[in-house]
């Protein structure tokens, strides 16, 4: 007897199902039928979400970006790109090879 092939669910799908379970608008059996997932799996995703949802608001995890460093890196890469373009043009020109 063969069962159904194992499916891989995206993180977005899991979050959607877990949030629906947290809301409590529908029974677990109804959610399982709606999303075609076993009720135990929904409970697992719901518990995992409950363990980690505080991390969304704690500020840890680097929500801040150093814009000066990013702009400096963009400038550096633009200069390197321009240099390599000109070097490629010179290398492909017959008069530049002499």
PDB file of N, CA and C in Angstrom:
ATOM      1  N   UNK A   1       0.836  -1.171   0.000  1.00  0.00           N
ATOM      2  CA  UNK A   1       0.000   0.000   0.000  1.00  0.00           C
ATOM      3  C   UNK A   1       0.884   1.238   0.000  1.00  0.00           C
ATOM      4  N   UNK A   2       0.706   2.060  -1.000  1.00  0.00           N
ATOM      5  CA  UNK A   2       1.501   3.272  -1.109  1.00  0.00           C
ATOM      6  C   UNK A   2       0.716   4.460  -0.582  1.00  0.00           C
ATOM      7  N   UNK A   3       1.419   5.313   0.155  1.00  0.00           N
ATOM      8  CA  UNK A   3       0.795   6.539   0.639  1.00  0.00           C
ATOM      9  C   UNK A   3       1.066   7.674  -0.335  1.00  0.00           C
ATOM     10  N   UNK A   4       0.602   8.831   0.028  1.00  0.00           N
ATOM     11  CA  UNK A   4       0.819  10.015  -0.799  1.00  0.00           C
ATOM     12  C   UNK A   4       2.288  10.421  -0.718  1.00  0.00           C
ATOM     13  N   UNK A   5       2.813  10.933  -1.806  1.00  0.00           N
ATOM     14  CA  UNK A   5       4.195  11.377  -1.836  1.00  0.00           C
ATOM     15  C   UNK A   5       4.388  12.529  -0.859  1.00  0.00           C
ATOM     16  N   UNK A   6       5.553  12.596  -0.279  1.00  0.00           N
ATOM     17  CA  UNK A   6       5.870  13.650   0.684  1.00  0.00           C
ATOM     18  C   UNK A   6       5.934  14.991  -0.015  1.00  0.00           C
ATOM     19  N   UNK A   7       5.293  15.990   0.590  1.00  0.00           N
ATOM     20  CA  UNK A   7       5.255  17.325  -0.005  1.00  0.00           C
ATOM     21  C   UNK A   7       6.100  18.293   0.797  1.00  0.00           C
ATOM     22  N   UNK A   8       6.665  19.232   0.090  1.00  0.00           N
ATOM     23  CA  UNK A   8       7.456  20.279   0.720  1.00  0.00           C
ATOM     24  C   UNK A   8       6.628  21.565   0.711  1.00  0.00           C
ATOM     25  N   UNK A   9       6.452  22.145   1.864  1.00  0.00           N
ATOM     26  CA  UNK A   9       5.653  23.369   1.975  1.00  0.00           C
ATOM     27  C   UNK A   9       6.575  24.564   2.166  1.00  0.00           C
ATOM     28  N   UNK A  10       6.193  25.698   1.586  1.00  0.00           N
ATOM     29  CA  UNK A  10       6.994  26.908   1.734  1.00  0.00           C
ATOM     30  C   UNK A  10       6.784  27.499   3.120  1.00  0.00           C
ATOM     31  N   UNK A  11       7.726  28.322   3.537  1.00  0.00           N
ATOM     32  CA  UNK A  11       7.620  28.992   4.833  1.00  0.00           C
ATOM     33  C   UNK A  11       6.406  29.913   4.860  1.00  0.00           C
ATOM     34  N   UNK A  12       6.095  30.540   3.736  1.00  0.00           N
ATOM     35  CA  UNK A  12       4.934  31.424   3.660  1.00  0.00           C
ATOM     36  C   UNK A  12       3.642  30.643   3.886  1.00  0.00           C
ATOM     37  N   UNK A  13       3.542  29.477   3.271  1.00  0.00           N
ATOM     38  CA  UNK A  13       2.362  28.637   3.448  1.00  0.00           C
ATOM     39  C   UNK A  13       2.220  28.213   4.910  1.00  0.00           C
ATOM     40  N   UNK A  14       3.333  27.775   5.514  1.00  0.00           N
ATOM     41  CA  UNK A  14       3.299  27.342   6.904  1.00  0.00           C
ATOM     42  C   UNK A  14       2.862  28.476   7.825  1.00  0.00           C
ATOM     43  N   UNK A  15       3.374  29.678   7.566  1.00  0.00           N
ATOM     44  CA  UNK A  15       3.009  30.836   8.383  1.00  0.00           C
ATOM     45  C   UNK A  15       1.529  31.163   8.232  1.00  0.00           C
ATOM     46  N   UNK A  16       1.038  31.066   7.022  1.00  0.00           N
ATOM     47  CA  UNK A  16      -0.376  31.345   6.760  1.00  0.00           C
ATOM     48  C   UNK A  16      -1.272  30.371   7.528  1.00  0.00           C
ATOM     49  N   UNK A  17      -0.925  29.099   7.491  1.00  0.00           N
ATOM     50  CA  UNK A  17      -1.708  28.074   8.184  1.00  0.00           C
ATOM     51  C   UNK A  17      -1.601  28.263   9.699  1.00  0.00           C
ATOM     52  N   UNK A  18      -0.395  28.517  10.192  1.00  0.00           N
ATOM     53  CA  UNK A  18      -0.190  28.707  11.630  1.00  0.00           C
ATOM     54  C   UNK A  18      -0.962  29.919  12.138  1.00  0.00           C
ATOM     55  N   UNK A  19      -0.964  31.006  11.378  1.00  0.00           N
ATOM     56  CA  UNK A  19      -1.706  32.192  11.785  1.00  0.00           C
ATOM     57  C   UNK A  19      -3.207  31.935  11.789  1.00  0.00           C
ATOM     58  N   UNK A  20      -3.679  31.174  10.825  1.00  0.00           N
ATOM     59  CA  UNK A  20      -5.097  30.814  10.806  1.00  0.00           C
ATOM     60  C   UNK A  20      -5.455  29.993  12.039  1.00  0.00           C
ATOM     61  N   UNK A  21      -4.551  29.122  12.459  1.00  0.00           N
ATOM     62  CA  UNK A  21      -4.786  28.313  13.656  1.00  0.00           C
ATOM     63  C   UNK A  21      -4.757  29.177  14.915  1.00  0.00           C
ATOM     64  N   UNK A  22      -3.855  30.145  14.949  1.00  0.00           N
ATOM     65  CA  UNK A  22      -3.763  31.043  16.105  1.00  0.00           C
ATOM     66  C   UNK A  22      -5.028  31.889  16.225  1.00  0.00           C
ATOM     67  N   UNK A  23      -5.541  32.355  15.096  1.00  0.00           N
ATOM     68  CA  UNK A  23      -6.762  33.169  15.119  1.00  0.00           C
ATOM     69  C   UNK A  23      -7.916  32.429  15.774  1.00  0.00           C
ATOM     70  N   UNK A  24      -8.023  31.138  15.507  1.00  0.00           N
ATOM     71  CA  UNK A  24      -9.059  30.326  16.128  1.00  0.00           C
ATOM     72  C   UNK A  24     -10.443  30.504  15.533  1.00  0.00           C
ATOM     73  N   UNK A  25     -10.543  31.080  14.339  1.00  0.00           N
ATOM     74  CA  UNK A  25     -11.847  31.255  13.693  1.00  0.00           C
ATOM     75  C   UNK A  25     -12.467  29.922  13.283  1.00  0.00           C
ATOM     76  N   UNK A  26     -11.603  28.963  12.959  1.00  0.00           N
ATOM     77  CA  UNK A  26     -12.082  27.652  12.513  1.00  0.00           C
ATOM     78  C   UNK A  26     -11.452  26.571  13.382  1.00  0.00           C
ATOM     79  N   UNK A  27     -12.117  25.438  13.440  1.00  0.00           N
ATOM     80  CA  UNK A  27     -11.579  24.288  14.169  1.00  0.00           C
ATOM     81  C   UNK A  27     -10.374  23.724  13.423  1.00  0.00           C
ATOM     82  N   UNK A  28      -9.556  23.025  14.157  1.00  0.00           N
ATOM     83  CA  UNK A  28      -8.350  22.449  13.572  1.00  0.00           C
ATOM     84  C   UNK A  28      -8.683  21.506  12.417  1.00  0.00           C
ATOM     85  N   UNK A  29      -9.737  20.740  12.563  1.00  0.00           N
ATOM     86  CA  UNK A  29     -10.149  19.813  11.503  1.00  0.00           C
ATOM     87  C   UNK A  29     -10.565  20.575  10.240  1.00  0.00           C
ATOM     88  N   UNK A  30     -11.230  21.700  10.417  1.00  0.00           N
ATOM     89  CA  UNK A  30     -11.638  22.513   9.261  1.00  0.00           C
ATOM     90  C   UNK A  30     -10.413  23.094   8.548  1.00  0.00           C
ATOM     91  N   UNK A  31      -9.458  23.567   9.341  1.00  0.00           N
ATOM     92  CA  UNK A  31      -8.229  24.104   8.739  1.00  0.00           C
ATOM     93  C   UNK A  31      -7.466  23.009   8.000  1.00  0.00           C
ATOM     94  N   UNK A  32      -7.415  21.833   8.593  1.00  0.00           N
ATOM     95  CA  UNK A  32      -6.719  20.714   7.957  1.00  0.00           C
ATOM     96  C   UNK A  32      -7.341  20.382   6.608  1.00  0.00           C
ATOM     97  N   UNK A  33      -8.651  20.400   6.563  1.00  0.00           N
ATOM     98  CA  UNK A  33      -9.341  20.111   5.308  1.00  0.00           C
ATOM     99  C   UNK A  33      -9.139  21.242   4.301  1.00  0.00           C
ATOM    100  N   UNK A  34      -9.220  22.486   4.778  1.00  0.00           N
ATOM    101  CA  UNK A  34      -9.070  23.650   3.900  1.00  0.00           C
ATOM    102  C   UNK A  34      -7.687  23.696   3.255  1.00  0.00           C
ATOM    103  N   UNK A  35      -6.647  23.440   4.054  1.00  0.00           N
ATOM    104  CA  UNK A  35      -5.278  23.554   3.551  1.00  0.00           C
ATOM    105  C   UNK A  35      -4.682  22.213   3.120  1.00  0.00           C
ATOM    106  N   UNK A  36      -5.438  21.139   3.242  1.00  0.00           N
ATOM    107  CA  UNK A  36      -4.991  19.798   2.867  1.00  0.00           C
ATOM    108  C   UNK A  36      -3.694  19.427   3.594  1.00  0.00           C
ATOM    109  N   UNK A  37      -3.749  19.595   4.924  1.00  0.00           N
ATOM    110  CA  UNK A  37      -2.610  19.304   5.792  1.00  0.00           C
ATOM    111  C   UNK A  37      -3.142  18.521   6.991  1.00  0.00           C
ATOM    112  N   UNK A  38      -2.340  17.629   7.523  1.00  0.00           N
ATOM    113  CA  UNK A  38      -2.747  16.866   8.699  1.00  0.00           C
ATOM    114  C   UNK A  38      -2.861  17.796   9.912  1.00  0.00           C
ATOM    115  N   UNK A  39      -3.864  17.584  10.764  1.00  0.00           N
ATOM    116  CA  UNK A  39      -4.036  18.447  11.937  1.00  0.00           C
ATOM    117  C   UNK A  39      -2.813  18.496  12.859  1.00  0.00           C
ATOM    118  N   UNK A  40      -2.102  17.379  12.985  1.00  0.00           N
ATOM    119  CA  UNK A  40      -0.893  17.376  13.817  1.00  0.00           C
ATOM    120  C   UNK A  40       0.173  18.322  13.257  1.00  0.00           C
ATOM    121  N   UNK A  41       0.241  18.410  11.945  1.00  0.00           N
ATOM    122  CA  UNK A  41       1.212  19.297  11.316  1.00  0.00           C
ATOM    123  C   UNK A  41       0.857  20.747  11.607  1.00  0.00           C
ATOM    124  N   UNK A  42      -0.422  21.068  11.565  1.00  0.00           N
ATOM    125  CA  UNK A  42      -0.857  22.437  11.864  1.00  0.00           C
ATOM    126  C   UNK A  42      -0.496  22.791  13.305  1.00  0.00           C
ATOM    127  N   UNK A  43      -0.714  21.852  14.218  1.00  0.00           N
ATOM    128  CA  UNK A  43      -0.366  22.081  15.621  1.00  0.00           C
ATOM    129  C   UNK A  43       1.127  22.318  15.776  1.00  0.00           C
ATOM    130  N   UNK A  44       1.932  21.548  15.054  1.00  0.00           N
ATOM    131  CA  UNK A  44       3.394  21.720  15.103  1.00  0.00           C
ATOM    132  C   UNK A  44       3.792  23.106  14.610  1.00  0.00           C
ATOM    133  N   UNK A  45       3.252  23.528  13.486  1.00  0.00           N
ATOM    134  CA  UNK A  45       3.580  24.846  12.942  1.00  0.00           C
ATOM    135  C   UNK A  45       3.115  25.956  13.871  1.00  0.00           C
ATOM    136  N   UNK A  46       1.945  25.778  14.466  1.00  0.00           N
ATOM    137  CA  UNK A  46       1.400  26.770  15.408  1.00  0.00           C
ATOM    138  C   UNK A  46       2.320  26.900  16.630  1.00  0.00           C
ATOM    139  N   UNK A  47       2.776  25.771  17.160  1.00  0.00           N
ATOM    140  CA  UNK A  47       3.674  25.795  18.319  1.00  0.00           C
ATOM    141  C   UNK A  47       5.016  26.429  17.984  1.00  0.00           C
ATOM    142  N   UNK A  48       5.535  26.130  16.793  1.00  0.00           N
ATOM    143  CA  UNK A  48       6.801  26.722  16.361  1.00  0.00           C
ATOM    144  C   UNK A  48       6.671  28.232  16.225  1.00  0.00           C
ATOM    145  N   UNK A  49       5.542  28.681  15.695  1.00  0.00           N
ATOM    146  CA  UNK A  49       5.290  30.111  15.562  1.00  0.00           C
ATOM    147  C   UNK A  49       5.214  30.767  16.938  1.00  0.00           C
ATOM    148  N   UNK A  50       4.518  30.138  17.864  1.00  0.00           N
ATOM    149  CA  UNK A  50       4.365  30.689  19.210  1.00  0.00           C
ATOM    150  C   UNK A  50       5.708  30.806  19.927  1.00  0.00           C
ATOM    151  N   UNK A  51       6.621  29.882  19.661  1.00  0.00           N
ATOM    152  CA  UNK A  51       7.946  29.925  20.294  1.00  0.00           C
ATOM    153  C   UNK A  51       8.801  31.066  19.763  1.00  0.00           C
ATOM    154  N   UNK A  52       8.567  31.474  18.521  1.00  0.00           N
ATOM    155  CA  UNK A  52       9.472  32.428  17.877  1.00  0.00           C
ATOM    156  C   UNK A  52       8.877  33.797  17.598  1.00  0.00           C
ATOM    157  N   UNK A  53       7.618  34.043  17.876  1.00  0.00           N
ATOM    158  CA  UNK A  53       7.041  35.304  17.434  1.00  0.00           C
ATOM    159  C   UNK A  53       7.545  36.492  18.213  1.00  0.00           C
ATOM    160  N   UNK A  54       8.080  36.314  19.400  1.00  0.00           N
ATOM    161  CA  UNK A  54       8.651  37.431  20.151  1.00  0.00           C
ATOM    162  C   UNK A  54       9.893  37.980  19.456  1.00  0.00           C
ATOM    163  N   UNK A  55      10.602  37.133  18.731  1.00  0.00           N
ATOM    164  CA  UNK A  55      11.818  37.571  18.036  1.00  0.00           C
ATOM    165  C   UNK A  55      11.518  38.598  16.958  1.00  0.00           C
ATOM    166  N   UNK A  56      10.301  38.628  16.474  1.00  0.00           N
ATOM    167  CA  UNK A  56       9.925  39.602  15.448  1.00  0.00           C
ATOM    168  C   UNK A  56       9.992  41.015  16.011  1.00  0.00           C
ATOM    169  N   UNK A  57       9.687  41.163  17.293  1.00  0.00           N
ATOM    170  CA  UNK A  57       9.587  42.481  17.894  1.00  0.00           C
ATOM    171  C   UNK A  57      10.748  42.851  18.804  1.00  0.00           C
ATOM    172  N   UNK A  58      11.679  41.941  19.050  1.00  0.00           N
ATOM    173  CA  UNK A  58      12.718  42.242  20.028  1.00  0.00           C
ATOM    174  C   UNK A  58      13.831  43.134  19.495  1.00  0.00           C
ATOM    175  N   UNK A  59      13.885  43.372  18.216  1.00  0.00           N
ATOM    176  CA  UNK A  59      14.902  44.255  17.649  1.00  0.00           C
ATOM    177  C   UNK A  59      16.201  43.543  17.338  1.00  0.00           C
ATOM    178  N   UNK A  60      16.423  42.377  17.886  1.00  0.00           N
ATOM    179  CA  UNK A  60      17.618  41.610  17.555  1.00  0.00           C
ATOM    180  C   UNK A  60      17.436  41.013  16.172  1.00  0.00           C
ATOM    181  N   UNK A  61      18.527  40.751  15.526  1.00  0.00           N
ATOM    182  CA  UNK A  61      18.429  40.177  14.200  1.00  0.00           C
ATOM    183  C   UNK A  61      18.799  41.169  13.125  1.00  0.00           C
ATOM    184  N   UNK A  62      19.221  42.344  13.522  1.00  0.00           N
ATOM    185  CA  UNK A  62      19.773  43.287  12.566  1.00  0.00           C
ATOM    186  C   UNK A  62      18.782  43.929  11.641  1.00  0.00           C
ATOM    187  N   UNK A  63      17.818  44.603  12.155  1.00  0.00           N
ATOM    188  CA  UNK A  63      16.892  45.321  11.307  1.00  0.00           C
ATOM    189  C   UNK A  63      17.477  46.618  10.776  1.00  0.00           C
ATOM    190  N   UNK A  64      18.624  47.046  11.327  1.00  0.00           N
ATOM    191  CA  UNK A  64      19.234  48.303  10.918  1.00  0.00           C
ATOM    192  C   UNK A  64      20.279  48.060   9.835  1.00  0.00           C
ATOM    193  N   UNK A  65      20.322  48.961   8.885  1.00  0.00           N
ATOM    194  CA  UNK A  65      21.248  48.844   7.766  1.00  0.00           C
ATOM    195  C   UNK A  65      22.137  50.075   7.758  1.00  0.00           C
ATOM    196  N   UNK A  66      23.439  49.863   7.543  1.00  0.00           N
ATOM    197  CA  UNK A  66      24.384  50.970   7.466  1.00  0.00           C
ATOM    198  C   UNK A  66      24.380  51.498   6.026  1.00  0.00           C
ATOM    199  N   UNK A  67      23.616  52.566   5.795  1.00  0.00           N
ATOM    200  CA  UNK A  67      23.468  53.100   4.442  1.00  0.00           C
ATOM    201  C   UNK A  67      24.768  53.676   3.909  1.00  0.00           C
ATOM    202  N   UNK A  68      25.576  54.292   4.765  1.00  0.00           N
ATOM    203  CA  UNK A  68      26.852  54.851   4.299  1.00  0.00           C
ATOM    204  C   UNK A  68      27.748  53.757   3.743  1.00  0.00           C
ATOM    205  N   UNK A  69      27.812  52.636   4.430  1.00  0.00           N
ATOM    206  CA  UNK A  69      28.645  51.525   3.962  1.00  0.00           C
ATOM    207  C   UNK A  69      28.106  50.963   2.653  1.00  0.00           C
ATOM    208  N   UNK A  70      26.781  50.877   2.533  1.00  0.00           N
ATOM    209  CA  UNK A  70      26.199  50.371   1.291  1.00  0.00           C
ATOM    210  C   UNK A  70      26.462  51.306   0.119  1.00  0.00           C
ATOM    211  N   UNK A  71      26.337  52.620   0.348  1.00  0.00           N
ATOM    212  CA  UNK A  71      26.609  53.582  -0.715  1.00  0.00           C
ATOM    213  C   UNK A  71      28.088  53.556  -1.115  1.00  0.00           C
ATOM    214  N   UNK A  72      28.967  53.394  -0.139  1.00  0.00           N
ATOM    215  CA  UNK A  72      30.395  53.300  -0.445  1.00  0.00           C
ATOM    216  C   UNK A  72      30.679  52.062  -1.291  1.00  0.00           C
ATOM    217  N   UNK A  73      30.054  50.962  -0.942  1.00  0.00           N
ATOM    218  CA  UNK A  73      30.256  49.727  -1.707  1.00  0.00           C
ATOM    219  C   UNK A  73      29.710  49.868  -3.126  1.00  0.00           C
ATOM    220  N   UNK A  74      28.561  50.520  -3.273  1.00  0.00           N
ATOM    221  CA  UNK A  74      27.993  50.757  -4.601  1.00  0.00           C
ATOM    222  C   UNK A  74      28.949  51.602  -5.438  1.00  0.00           C
ATOM    223  N   UNK A  75      29.514  52.652  -4.832  1.00  0.00           N
ATOM    224  CA  UNK A  75      30.477  53.499  -5.541  1.00  0.00           C
ATOM    225  C   UNK A  75      31.706  52.716  -5.967  1.00  0.00           C
ATOM    226  N   UNK A  76      32.226  51.895  -5.063  1.00  0.00           N
ATOM    227  CA  UNK A  76      33.401  51.078  -5.378  1.00  0.00           C
ATOM    228  C   UNK A  76      33.104  50.128  -6.533  1.00  0.00           C
ATOM    229  N   UNK A  77      31.962  49.471  -6.491  1.00  0.00           N
ATOM    230  CA  UNK A  77      31.603  48.532  -7.547  1.00  0.00           C
ATOM    231  C   UNK A  77      31.373  49.233  -8.880  1.00  0.00           C
ATOM    232  N   UNK A  78      30.815  50.451  -8.835  1.00  0.00           N
ATOM    233  CA  UNK A  78      30.616  51.211 -10.070  1.00  0.00           C
ATOM    234  C   UNK A  78      31.961  51.575 -10.697  1.00  0.00           C
ATOM    235  N   UNK A  79      32.936  51.991  -9.867  1.00  0.00           N
ATOM    236  CA  UNK A  79      34.267  52.304 -10.384  1.00  0.00           C
ATOM    237  C   UNK A  79      34.932  51.071 -10.991  1.00  0.00           C
ATOM    238  N   UNK A  80      34.846  49.960 -10.296  1.00  0.00           N
ATOM    239  CA  UNK A  80      35.436  48.730 -10.821  1.00  0.00           C
ATOM    240  C   UNK A  80      34.772  48.319 -12.126  1.00  0.00           C
ATOM    241  N   UNK A  81      33.470  48.466 -12.201  1.00  0.00           N
ATOM    242  CA  UNK A  81      32.735  48.126 -13.412  1.00  0.00           C
ATOM    243  C   UNK A  81      33.180  49.001 -14.581  1.00  0.00           C
ATOM    244  N   UNK A  82      33.283  50.307 -14.348  1.00  0.00           N
ATOM    245  CA  UNK A  82      33.744  51.219 -15.395  1.00  0.00           C
ATOM    246  C   UNK A  82      35.159  50.876 -15.849  1.00  0.00           C
ATOM    247  N   UNK A  83      36.051  50.590 -14.891  1.00  0.00           N
ATOM    248  CA  UNK A  83      37.426  50.235 -15.228  1.00  0.00           C
ATOM    249  C   UNK A  83      37.465  48.970 -16.080  1.00  0.00           C
ATOM    250  N   UNK A  84      36.706  47.965 -15.679  1.00  0.00           N
ATOM    251  CA  UNK A  84      36.713  46.706 -16.426  1.00  0.00           C
ATOM    252  C   UNK A  84      36.093  46.855 -17.811  1.00  0.00           C
ATOM    253  N   UNK A  85      35.074  47.700 -17.935  1.00  0.00           N
ATOM    254  CA  UNK A  85      34.492  47.961 -19.254  1.00  0.00           C
ATOM    255  C   UNK A  85      35.526  48.582 -20.179  1.00  0.00           C
ATOM    256  N   UNK A  86      36.229  49.600 -19.682  1.00  0.00           N
ATOM    257  CA  UNK A  86      37.231  50.266 -20.522  1.00  0.00           C
ATOM    258  C   UNK A  86      38.377  49.313 -20.855  1.00  0.00           C
ATOM    259  N   UNK A  87      38.786  48.470 -19.919  1.00  0.00           N
ATOM    260  CA  UNK A  87      39.847  47.501 -20.180  1.00  0.00           C
ATOM    261  C   UNK A  87      39.402  46.480 -21.224  1.00  0.00           C
ATOM    262  N   UNK A  88      38.160  46.077 -21.175  1.00  0.00           N
ATOM    263  CA  UNK A  88      37.641  45.128 -22.154  1.00  0.00           C
ATOM    264  C   UNK A  88      37.583  45.753 -23.542  1.00  0.00           C
ATOM    265  N   UNK A  89      37.165  47.000 -23.605  1.00  0.00           N
ATOM    266  CA  UNK A  89      37.110  47.702 -24.896  1.00  0.00           C
ATOM    267  C   UNK A  89      38.507  47.832 -25.478  1.00  0.00           C
ATOM    268  N   UNK A  90      39.479  48.227 -24.646  1.00  0.00           N
ATOM    269  CA  UNK A  90      40.860  48.372 -25.122  1.00  0.00           C
ATOM    270  C   UNK A  90      41.444  47.038 -25.559  1.00  0.00           C
ATOM    271  N   UNK A  91      41.097  45.974 -24.854  1.00  0.00           N
ATOM    272  CA  UNK A  91      41.624  44.653 -25.189  1.00  0.00           C
ATOM    273  C   UNK A  91      41.027  44.119 -26.486  1.00  0.00           C
ATOM    274  N   UNK A  92      39.825  44.534 -26.815  1.00  0.00           N
ATOM    275  CA  UNK A  92      39.188  44.018 -28.014  1.00  0.00           C
ATOM    276  C   UNK A  92      39.461  44.877 -29.240  1.00  0.00           C
ATOM    277  N   UNK A  93      40.059  46.071 -29.062  1.00  0.00           N
ATOM    278  CA  UNK A  93      40.369  46.949 -30.198  1.00  0.00           C
ATOM    279  C   UNK A  93      41.689  46.487 -30.843  1.00  0.00           C
ATOM    280  N   UNK A  94      41.704  46.348 -32.179  1.00  0.00           N
ATOM    281  CA  UNK A  94      42.950  45.918 -32.849  1.00  0.00           C
ATOM    282  C   UNK A  94      44.074  46.932 -32.668  1.00  0.00           C
ATOM    283  N   UNK A  95      43.770  48.224 -32.653  1.00  0.00           N
ATOM    284  CA  UNK A  95      44.823  49.245 -32.545  1.00  0.00           C
ATOM    285  C   UNK A  95      45.415  49.268 -31.126  1.00  0.00           C
ATOM    286  N   UNK A  96      44.715  48.786 -30.157  1.00  0.00           N
ATOM    287  CA  UNK A  96      45.218  48.818 -28.792  1.00  0.00           C
ATOM    288  C   UNK A  96      46.181  47.665 -28.524  1.00  0.00           C
ATOM    289  N   UNK A  97      46.210  46.659 -29.407  1.00  0.00           N
ATOM    290  CA  UNK A  97      47.051  45.493 -29.182  1.00  0.00           C
ATOM    291  C   UNK A  97      48.505  45.721 -29.626  1.00  0.00           C
ATOM    292  N   UNK A  98      48.809  46.753 -30.354  1.00  0.00           N
ATOM    293  CA  UNK A  98      50.169  46.994 -30.864  1.00  0.00           C
ATOM    294  C   UNK A  98      51.106  47.452 -29.820  1.00  0.00           C
TER     295      UNK A  98
END
